[in-house]
């Protein structure tokens, strides 16, 4: 499946201010590394994908 066109479902999460700050920092770091724009939601999806991949639940 083309990851650029996966269907996303809007959801709401509640996070501490410190977590939001780290998500923003990580997004900026990823932008520098990849040359592409990253949102906080994108960073969360990346982290969750890594978490589940390490558990063998997704590829």
Protein backbone atom coordinates (compact mmCIF):
# COMPACT_ATOMS: atom_id res chain seq x y z
CA UNK A 1 0.00 0.00 0.00
CA UNK A 2 1.26 3.49 -0.78
CA UNK A 3 1.87 5.06 2.63
CA UNK A 4 1.35 8.55 1.20
CA UNK A 5 -2.34 7.76 0.61
CA UNK A 6 -3.39 5.71 3.63
CA UNK A 7 -6.79 6.68 5.04
CA UNK A 8 -6.47 8.59 8.29
CA UNK A 9 -9.23 8.85 10.86
CA UNK A 10 -9.47 12.02 12.95
CA UNK A 11 -9.14 11.43 16.68
CA UNK A 12 -8.41 13.48 19.77
CA UNK A 13 -5.70 12.77 22.34
CA UNK A 14 -4.77 14.60 25.50
CA UNK A 15 -1.06 15.11 26.16
CA UNK A 16 1.03 16.99 28.68
CA UNK A 17 2.56 20.29 27.55
CA UNK A 18 6.05 18.76 27.80
CA UNK A 19 5.08 16.00 25.38
CA UNK A 20 3.75 18.54 22.87
CA UNK A 21 7.01 20.47 23.10
CA UNK A 22 9.01 17.31 22.40
CA UNK A 23 6.75 16.43 19.46
CA UNK A 24 7.44 19.86 17.97
CA UNK A 25 11.21 19.48 18.53
CA UNK A 26 11.17 16.05 16.95
CA UNK A 27 9.17 17.35 13.98
CA UNK A 28 11.81 20.05 13.39
CA UNK A 29 14.61 17.48 13.66
CA UNK A 30 12.88 15.19 11.17
CA UNK A 31 12.38 18.13 8.79
CA UNK A 32 16.13 18.80 8.91
CA UNK A 33 16.95 15.12 8.41
CA UNK A 34 14.40 14.30 5.71
CA UNK A 35 13.88 17.65 4.00
CA UNK A 36 10.12 17.19 4.34
CA UNK A 37 7.60 18.94 6.58
CA UNK A 38 6.52 16.97 9.66
CA UNK A 39 3.48 17.64 11.85
CA UNK A 40 3.04 16.60 15.45
CA UNK A 41 0.49 14.05 14.21
CA UNK A 42 3.06 12.68 11.78
CA UNK A 43 5.57 12.27 14.61
CA UNK A 44 2.96 10.46 16.72
CA UNK A 45 2.15 8.12 13.81
CA UNK A 46 5.85 7.43 13.28
CA UNK A 47 6.36 6.65 16.98
CA UNK A 48 3.32 4.38 17.11
CA UNK A 49 4.39 2.59 13.93
CA UNK A 50 7.83 1.98 15.44
CA UNK A 51 6.28 0.78 18.71
CA UNK A 52 3.97 -1.72 17.01
CA UNK A 53 6.61 -2.84 14.50
CA UNK A 54 8.96 -3.71 17.39
CA UNK A 55 6.19 -5.87 18.84
CA UNK A 56 5.75 -7.61 15.49
CA UNK A 57 2.17 -6.37 15.16
CA UNK A 58 2.71 -4.40 11.93
CA UNK A 59 5.33 -4.38 9.22
